[in-house]
N, C-alpha and C. Protein backbone atom coordinates (compact mmCIF):
# COMPACT_ATOMS: atom_id res chain seq x y z
N MET A 1 20.72 -43.24 6.90
CA MET A 1 20.06 -42.76 8.11
C MET A 1 19.06 -43.86 8.49
N THR A 2 19.04 -44.23 9.76
CA THR A 2 18.13 -45.22 10.18
C THR A 2 17.02 -44.62 10.91
N LYS A 3 15.89 -45.31 10.93
CA LYS A 3 14.66 -44.90 11.63
C LYS A 3 14.80 -45.27 13.10
N PRO A 4 14.26 -44.44 14.00
CA PRO A 4 14.28 -44.81 15.39
C PRO A 4 13.46 -45.95 15.61
N GLU A 5 13.82 -46.79 16.61
CA GLU A 5 13.05 -47.99 16.86
C GLU A 5 11.72 -47.69 17.58
N VAL A 6 10.64 -48.19 17.13
CA VAL A 6 9.34 -47.98 17.66
C VAL A 6 8.90 -49.24 18.40
N LYS A 7 8.50 -49.13 19.61
CA LYS A 7 8.08 -50.31 20.36
C LYS A 7 6.63 -50.64 19.89
N PRO A 8 6.20 -51.89 19.89
CA PRO A 8 4.92 -52.29 19.32
C PRO A 8 3.72 -51.54 19.99
N ASP A 9 3.76 -51.21 21.28
CA ASP A 9 2.68 -50.58 21.92
C ASP A 9 2.55 -49.09 21.77
N GLU A 10 3.68 -48.46 21.24
CA GLU A 10 3.66 -47.01 21.09
C GLU A 10 2.74 -46.60 19.94
N HIS A 11 2.56 -47.31 18.93
CA HIS A 11 1.71 -46.92 17.78
C HIS A 11 0.18 -47.01 18.08
N LYS A 12 -0.17 -47.51 19.23
CA LYS A 12 -1.65 -47.65 19.52
C LYS A 12 -2.20 -46.46 20.21
N GLY A 13 -1.40 -45.50 20.64
CA GLY A 13 -1.87 -44.25 21.26
C GLY A 13 -2.28 -44.46 22.72
N TRP A 14 -2.87 -43.40 23.25
CA TRP A 14 -3.20 -43.33 24.64
C TRP A 14 -4.28 -44.26 25.07
N ARG A 15 -5.09 -44.72 24.16
CA ARG A 15 -6.21 -45.63 24.51
C ARG A 15 -5.61 -46.94 25.02
N HIS A 16 -4.54 -47.38 24.46
CA HIS A 16 -3.93 -48.68 24.84
C HIS A 16 -3.62 -48.66 26.32
N TRP A 17 -3.18 -47.47 26.85
CA TRP A 17 -2.83 -47.37 28.25
C TRP A 17 -4.06 -47.80 29.14
N PHE A 18 -5.28 -47.39 28.67
CA PHE A 18 -6.48 -47.78 29.47
C PHE A 18 -6.71 -49.24 29.26
N HIS A 19 -6.62 -49.78 28.08
CA HIS A 19 -7.02 -51.12 27.82
C HIS A 19 -6.07 -52.19 28.44
N ARG A 20 -4.86 -51.73 28.84
CA ARG A 20 -3.93 -52.73 29.49
C ARG A 20 -4.43 -53.14 30.78
N ASN A 21 -5.09 -52.20 31.53
CA ASN A 21 -5.48 -52.48 32.96
C ASN A 21 -6.99 -52.70 32.95
N PRO A 22 -7.52 -53.84 33.41
CA PRO A 22 -9.03 -54.09 33.32
C PRO A 22 -9.78 -53.06 34.13
N ALA A 23 -9.31 -52.59 35.28
CA ALA A 23 -10.06 -51.58 36.08
C ALA A 23 -10.11 -50.25 35.36
N LEU A 24 -8.97 -49.86 34.76
CA LEU A 24 -8.93 -48.58 33.99
C LEU A 24 -9.81 -48.71 32.77
N ASN A 25 -9.75 -49.87 32.14
CA ASN A 25 -10.62 -50.08 30.91
C ASN A 25 -12.11 -49.97 31.25
N LEU A 26 -12.48 -50.64 32.43
CA LEU A 26 -13.91 -50.57 32.82
C LEU A 26 -14.28 -49.09 33.11
N ALA A 27 -13.43 -48.39 33.85
CA ALA A 27 -13.70 -47.01 34.26
C ALA A 27 -13.84 -46.11 32.93
N TYR A 28 -12.96 -46.38 31.93
CA TYR A 28 -12.92 -45.63 30.75
C TYR A 28 -14.20 -45.92 29.94
N ARG A 29 -14.70 -47.11 29.88
CA ARG A 29 -15.87 -47.54 29.16
C ARG A 29 -17.08 -46.96 29.84
N ILE A 30 -17.09 -46.91 31.20
CA ILE A 30 -18.21 -46.28 31.92
C ILE A 30 -18.28 -44.83 31.62
N GLY A 31 -17.10 -44.15 31.59
CA GLY A 31 -17.03 -42.74 31.29
C GLY A 31 -17.59 -42.45 29.88
N VAL A 32 -17.09 -43.24 28.95
CA VAL A 32 -17.58 -43.05 27.57
C VAL A 32 -19.11 -43.27 27.48
N GLY A 33 -19.55 -44.27 28.22
CA GLY A 33 -20.95 -44.58 28.23
C GLY A 33 -21.79 -43.49 28.88
N VAL A 34 -21.36 -42.96 29.94
CA VAL A 34 -22.08 -41.80 30.57
C VAL A 34 -22.10 -40.59 29.70
N ILE A 35 -20.92 -40.19 29.23
CA ILE A 35 -20.85 -38.98 28.40
C ILE A 35 -21.67 -39.13 27.09
N GLY A 36 -21.37 -40.28 26.40
CA GLY A 36 -22.14 -40.48 25.21
C GLY A 36 -23.66 -40.59 25.38
N GLY A 37 -24.04 -41.27 26.54
CA GLY A 37 -25.42 -41.41 26.84
C GLY A 37 -26.10 -40.02 27.12
N LEU A 38 -25.35 -39.09 27.80
CA LEU A 38 -25.91 -37.83 28.14
C LEU A 38 -26.08 -36.99 26.83
N VAL A 39 -25.07 -37.07 25.97
CA VAL A 39 -25.14 -36.32 24.68
C VAL A 39 -26.21 -36.86 23.86
N LEU A 40 -26.43 -38.16 23.80
CA LEU A 40 -27.52 -38.84 23.07
C LEU A 40 -28.86 -38.36 23.63
N ILE A 41 -29.00 -38.42 24.95
CA ILE A 41 -30.35 -37.97 25.52
C ILE A 41 -30.63 -36.56 25.19
N ALA A 42 -29.61 -35.68 25.33
CA ALA A 42 -29.81 -34.23 25.10
C ALA A 42 -30.25 -34.08 23.57
N GLY A 43 -29.62 -34.83 22.67
CA GLY A 43 -29.99 -34.77 21.26
C GLY A 43 -31.41 -35.22 21.02
N ILE A 44 -31.81 -36.30 21.66
CA ILE A 44 -33.14 -36.77 21.45
C ILE A 44 -34.18 -35.75 21.91
N ILE A 45 -33.88 -35.08 23.08
CA ILE A 45 -34.73 -34.01 23.59
C ILE A 45 -34.81 -32.80 22.61
N MET A 46 -33.68 -32.59 21.95
CA MET A 46 -33.55 -31.42 21.02
C MET A 46 -34.18 -31.63 19.67
N ILE A 47 -34.49 -32.90 19.32
CA ILE A 47 -34.92 -33.18 17.96
C ILE A 47 -36.08 -32.36 17.47
N PRO A 48 -37.18 -32.17 18.20
CA PRO A 48 -38.30 -31.38 17.64
C PRO A 48 -38.06 -29.91 17.70
N TYR A 49 -37.04 -29.42 18.24
CA TYR A 49 -36.87 -27.96 18.39
C TYR A 49 -35.84 -27.46 17.37
N PRO A 50 -35.97 -26.19 17.08
CA PRO A 50 -34.96 -25.60 16.14
C PRO A 50 -33.55 -25.76 16.62
N GLY A 51 -32.70 -26.18 15.81
CA GLY A 51 -31.31 -26.36 16.21
C GLY A 51 -30.73 -27.66 15.80
N PRO A 52 -29.61 -28.03 16.41
CA PRO A 52 -28.89 -29.22 15.93
C PRO A 52 -29.29 -30.55 16.57
N GLY A 53 -30.56 -30.82 16.77
CA GLY A 53 -30.97 -32.02 17.45
C GLY A 53 -30.42 -33.35 16.89
N TRP A 54 -30.59 -33.48 15.57
CA TRP A 54 -30.06 -34.74 15.00
C TRP A 54 -28.56 -34.75 14.98
N LEU A 55 -27.94 -33.61 14.83
CA LEU A 55 -26.46 -33.63 14.92
C LEU A 55 -25.99 -34.06 16.22
N VAL A 56 -26.66 -33.63 17.26
CA VAL A 56 -26.24 -34.03 18.66
C VAL A 56 -26.53 -35.48 18.90
N VAL A 57 -27.67 -36.01 18.32
CA VAL A 57 -27.89 -37.46 18.49
C VAL A 57 -26.84 -38.26 17.83
N PHE A 58 -26.41 -37.86 16.57
CA PHE A 58 -25.32 -38.63 15.88
C PHE A 58 -24.02 -38.45 16.61
N ALA A 59 -23.79 -37.30 17.26
CA ALA A 59 -22.49 -37.13 18.02
C ALA A 59 -22.55 -38.10 19.19
N GLY A 60 -23.64 -38.20 19.91
CA GLY A 60 -23.76 -39.03 21.05
C GLY A 60 -23.50 -40.56 20.66
N LEU A 61 -24.13 -40.94 19.57
CA LEU A 61 -23.93 -42.24 19.02
C LEU A 61 -22.50 -42.45 18.61
N ALA A 62 -21.79 -41.46 18.02
CA ALA A 62 -20.47 -41.59 17.61
C ALA A 62 -19.57 -41.77 18.91
N ILE A 63 -19.83 -41.03 19.86
CA ILE A 63 -19.10 -41.14 21.14
C ILE A 63 -19.23 -42.56 21.68
N LEU A 64 -20.46 -43.03 21.70
CA LEU A 64 -20.70 -44.40 22.20
C LEU A 64 -20.02 -45.44 21.33
N ALA A 65 -20.05 -45.17 20.05
CA ALA A 65 -19.52 -46.18 19.10
C ALA A 65 -17.99 -46.32 19.17
N THR A 66 -17.33 -45.44 19.86
CA THR A 66 -15.89 -45.57 20.08
C THR A 66 -15.58 -46.79 21.01
N GLU A 67 -16.56 -47.11 21.82
CA GLU A 67 -16.31 -48.25 22.72
C GLU A 67 -17.31 -49.36 22.64
N PHE A 68 -18.47 -49.13 22.04
CA PHE A 68 -19.53 -50.11 22.03
C PHE A 68 -19.98 -50.45 20.57
N GLU A 69 -19.83 -51.68 20.16
CA GLU A 69 -20.13 -52.10 18.86
C GLU A 69 -21.66 -51.84 18.48
N TRP A 70 -22.49 -52.05 19.39
CA TRP A 70 -23.96 -51.86 19.14
C TRP A 70 -24.20 -50.47 18.82
N ALA A 71 -23.52 -49.51 19.36
CA ALA A 71 -23.72 -48.04 19.05
C ALA A 71 -23.33 -47.73 17.63
N GLY A 72 -22.30 -48.36 17.19
CA GLY A 72 -21.93 -48.17 15.73
C GLY A 72 -22.97 -48.73 14.78
N ARG A 73 -23.57 -49.82 15.08
CA ARG A 73 -24.65 -50.35 14.24
C ARG A 73 -25.89 -49.44 14.37
N VAL A 74 -26.27 -48.95 15.51
CA VAL A 74 -27.35 -47.97 15.65
C VAL A 74 -27.06 -46.68 14.87
N LEU A 75 -25.80 -46.24 14.95
CA LEU A 75 -25.47 -44.99 14.24
C LEU A 75 -25.68 -45.18 12.71
N LYS A 76 -25.13 -46.30 12.20
CA LYS A 76 -25.39 -46.57 10.80
C LYS A 76 -26.88 -46.64 10.36
N PHE A 77 -27.58 -47.35 11.25
CA PHE A 77 -29.09 -47.50 11.01
C PHE A 77 -29.74 -46.06 11.08
N ALA A 78 -29.43 -45.30 12.07
CA ALA A 78 -30.00 -43.99 12.19
C ALA A 78 -29.71 -43.07 11.07
N LYS A 79 -28.46 -43.07 10.64
CA LYS A 79 -28.06 -42.28 9.53
C LYS A 79 -28.79 -42.64 8.19
N ARG A 80 -28.89 -43.95 8.01
CA ARG A 80 -29.53 -44.40 6.83
C ARG A 80 -31.05 -43.94 6.84
N TYR A 81 -31.69 -44.17 7.92
CA TYR A 81 -33.15 -43.77 7.91
C TYR A 81 -33.36 -42.28 8.06
N TYR A 82 -32.44 -41.53 8.63
CA TYR A 82 -32.50 -40.06 8.59
C TYR A 82 -32.39 -39.59 7.14
N ASP A 83 -31.44 -40.11 6.43
CA ASP A 83 -31.22 -39.71 5.08
C ASP A 83 -32.46 -40.14 4.21
N ARG A 84 -33.11 -41.25 4.44
CA ARG A 84 -34.26 -41.61 3.76
C ARG A 84 -35.46 -40.67 4.06
N TRP A 85 -35.55 -40.29 5.35
CA TRP A 85 -36.64 -39.37 5.74
C TRP A 85 -36.49 -38.05 5.00
N VAL A 86 -35.28 -37.54 5.03
CA VAL A 86 -35.02 -36.20 4.42
C VAL A 86 -35.37 -36.23 3.00
N ALA A 87 -34.91 -37.39 2.23
CA ALA A 87 -35.14 -37.45 0.83
C ALA A 87 -36.69 -37.60 0.55
N TRP A 88 -37.33 -38.36 1.42
CA TRP A 88 -38.81 -38.52 1.23
C TRP A 88 -39.49 -37.18 1.41
N LEU A 89 -39.08 -36.45 2.44
CA LEU A 89 -39.71 -35.16 2.69
C LEU A 89 -39.49 -34.18 1.58
N LYS A 90 -38.29 -34.22 0.97
CA LYS A 90 -38.00 -33.31 -0.16
C LYS A 90 -38.85 -33.64 -1.37
N ARG A 91 -39.29 -34.91 -1.53
CA ARG A 91 -40.12 -35.26 -2.69
C ARG A 91 -41.57 -34.93 -2.52
N GLN A 92 -41.94 -34.55 -1.33
CA GLN A 92 -43.37 -34.34 -1.04
C GLN A 92 -43.81 -32.91 -1.46
N PRO A 93 -45.11 -32.74 -1.69
CA PRO A 93 -45.62 -31.42 -2.04
C PRO A 93 -45.57 -30.57 -0.84
N GLY A 94 -45.66 -29.25 -1.08
CA GLY A 94 -45.52 -28.28 -0.07
C GLY A 94 -46.45 -28.44 1.12
N TRP A 95 -47.69 -28.90 0.82
CA TRP A 95 -48.70 -29.04 1.90
C TRP A 95 -48.30 -30.11 2.90
N VAL A 96 -47.60 -31.16 2.36
CA VAL A 96 -47.13 -32.30 3.30
C VAL A 96 -46.01 -31.68 4.20
N ARG A 97 -45.08 -31.01 3.53
CA ARG A 97 -43.99 -30.39 4.34
C ARG A 97 -44.51 -29.39 5.38
N GLY A 98 -45.63 -28.70 4.88
CA GLY A 98 -46.26 -27.75 5.84
C GLY A 98 -46.93 -28.49 7.07
N LEU A 99 -47.53 -29.63 6.82
CA LEU A 99 -48.12 -30.39 7.90
C LEU A 99 -47.01 -30.91 8.84
N VAL A 100 -45.93 -31.34 8.35
CA VAL A 100 -44.85 -31.78 9.12
C VAL A 100 -44.32 -30.61 10.04
N MET A 101 -44.20 -29.47 9.39
CA MET A 101 -43.72 -28.22 10.15
C MET A 101 -44.77 -27.88 11.14
N ALA A 102 -46.03 -28.01 10.89
CA ALA A 102 -47.03 -27.69 11.87
C ALA A 102 -47.04 -28.67 12.97
N GLY A 103 -46.74 -29.91 12.75
CA GLY A 103 -46.60 -30.85 13.83
C GLY A 103 -45.42 -30.60 14.75
N VAL A 104 -44.28 -30.15 14.19
CA VAL A 104 -43.14 -29.75 14.93
C VAL A 104 -43.47 -28.52 15.77
N CYS A 105 -44.13 -27.62 15.18
CA CYS A 105 -44.51 -26.39 15.93
C CYS A 105 -45.48 -26.77 17.07
N ALA A 106 -46.38 -27.66 16.93
CA ALA A 106 -47.31 -28.05 17.88
C ALA A 106 -46.55 -28.71 19.08
N ILE A 107 -45.55 -29.51 18.76
CA ILE A 107 -44.72 -30.15 19.83
C ILE A 107 -43.94 -29.08 20.65
N VAL A 108 -43.45 -28.08 19.92
CA VAL A 108 -42.74 -27.03 20.63
C VAL A 108 -43.65 -26.31 21.56
N LEU A 109 -44.84 -25.87 21.04
CA LEU A 109 -45.79 -25.15 21.77
C LEU A 109 -46.30 -25.88 23.05
N VAL A 110 -46.59 -27.17 22.87
CA VAL A 110 -47.08 -27.99 23.92
C VAL A 110 -45.98 -28.06 25.00
N THR A 111 -44.77 -28.27 24.55
CA THR A 111 -43.63 -28.41 25.59
C THR A 111 -43.51 -27.05 26.28
N CYS A 112 -43.53 -25.95 25.58
CA CYS A 112 -43.44 -24.66 26.21
C CYS A 112 -44.55 -24.48 27.23
N TYR A 113 -45.79 -24.87 26.97
CA TYR A 113 -46.84 -24.74 27.83
C TYR A 113 -46.65 -25.62 29.07
N LEU A 114 -46.26 -26.81 28.81
CA LEU A 114 -46.07 -27.79 29.96
C LEU A 114 -44.90 -27.33 30.85
N LEU A 115 -43.92 -26.60 30.32
CA LEU A 115 -42.81 -26.15 31.10
C LEU A 115 -43.04 -24.77 31.70
N ASN A 116 -44.25 -24.24 31.53
CA ASN A 116 -44.69 -23.00 32.14
C ASN A 116 -44.01 -21.76 31.51
N VAL A 117 -43.49 -21.86 30.27
CA VAL A 117 -42.80 -20.73 29.67
C VAL A 117 -43.72 -19.57 29.32
N PHE A 118 -44.98 -19.87 28.91
CA PHE A 118 -45.92 -18.83 28.60
C PHE A 118 -46.33 -17.95 29.84
N ALA A 119 -46.47 -18.61 30.99
CA ALA A 119 -46.80 -17.89 32.23
C ALA A 119 -45.58 -17.06 32.66
N LEU A 120 -44.38 -17.60 32.48
CA LEU A 120 -43.20 -16.92 32.91
C LEU A 120 -43.02 -15.68 32.01
N VAL A 121 -43.10 -15.77 30.72
CA VAL A 121 -42.94 -14.64 29.86
C VAL A 121 -44.09 -13.66 30.08
N GLY A 122 -45.32 -14.06 30.26
CA GLY A 122 -46.45 -13.29 30.53
C GLY A 122 -46.28 -12.47 31.82
N GLY A 123 -45.68 -13.06 32.82
CA GLY A 123 -45.40 -12.38 34.05
C GLY A 123 -44.43 -11.22 33.83
N TRP A 124 -43.56 -11.30 32.89
CA TRP A 124 -42.55 -10.25 32.61
C TRP A 124 -43.29 -8.98 32.19
N PHE A 125 -44.45 -9.27 31.53
CA PHE A 125 -45.20 -8.10 30.94
C PHE A 125 -46.55 -7.88 31.71
N GLY A 126 -46.65 -8.37 32.87
CA GLY A 126 -47.80 -8.17 33.77
C GLY A 126 -49.10 -8.93 33.30
N VAL A 127 -48.92 -9.87 32.45
CA VAL A 127 -50.05 -10.71 32.04
C VAL A 127 -50.16 -11.93 32.95
N GLU A 128 -51.18 -11.96 33.77
CA GLU A 128 -51.38 -13.05 34.74
C GLU A 128 -52.59 -13.90 34.45
N TRP A 129 -52.78 -14.32 33.26
CA TRP A 129 -53.92 -15.09 32.88
C TRP A 129 -53.74 -16.51 33.45
N THR A 130 -54.78 -17.09 33.99
CA THR A 130 -54.67 -18.42 34.58
C THR A 130 -54.47 -19.48 33.59
N TRP A 131 -54.94 -19.34 32.36
CA TRP A 131 -54.85 -20.38 31.38
C TRP A 131 -53.43 -20.51 30.79
N LEU A 132 -52.56 -19.55 31.10
CA LEU A 132 -51.20 -19.63 30.74
C LEU A 132 -50.44 -20.51 31.66
N GLN A 133 -50.98 -20.85 32.88
CA GLN A 133 -50.29 -21.59 33.83
C GLN A 133 -50.19 -23.08 33.38
N SER A 134 -49.01 -23.67 33.57
CA SER A 134 -48.83 -25.08 33.16
C SER A 134 -49.59 -25.96 34.20
N PRO A 135 -50.24 -27.07 33.77
CA PRO A 135 -50.79 -27.97 34.72
C PRO A 135 -49.75 -28.72 35.55
N ILE A 136 -48.50 -28.71 35.11
CA ILE A 136 -47.46 -29.40 35.78
C ILE A 136 -46.62 -28.51 36.72
N PHE A 137 -46.19 -27.40 36.16
CA PHE A 137 -45.31 -26.47 36.88
C PHE A 137 -45.93 -25.14 37.23
N GLY A 138 -47.29 -25.00 37.00
CA GLY A 138 -47.92 -23.77 37.33
C GLY A 138 -47.89 -23.44 38.82
N SER A 139 -47.97 -22.20 39.19
CA SER A 139 -47.86 -21.88 40.60
C SER A 139 -49.20 -21.88 41.30
N ARG A 140 -50.23 -22.13 40.50
CA ARG A 140 -51.55 -22.19 41.20
C ARG A 140 -52.20 -23.55 41.12
C-alpha cells in the first residue's frame, strides 16, 4: 500500500495561505497585532483586580508571539519574573503578604471611587452623599 502524495505546501497549514501573498500577510499580521494588543491591554487593566489578570496578559502576549518575535521574548521575560515574584511572595511572612494585599485592595477602591461606582451603588439605596461622587465622573 502506498502513501498518498503530499504537496510541499500542504503540510504548512492555513497560515501558509496568508504568507504567500504580501497584502494578505500584512492584513493578517495587523489583525493579530490588534487582537493580541487588545487582549494584552485588557489583561494589564485586570492585573490589580480579582480574576485572571495575569492569565489574560500572558494570553495576549502569546497571541502576539505567533507573529512577532519580540512578543515571544517579552512573554518569556514576563513569565520568568512573574514566577520569581510569586516565589518571593510565598517566602515572605504573613504581614508582608498582608501589606501586598492591602495595596491591591487600595488600588481597587481608588479605581472604584474614580469610576463613580460608590455613588452609583449608593444611589440604588437612596444614599446621595456628595463625598461618594467621583471627581472625574461625578454628576456634580
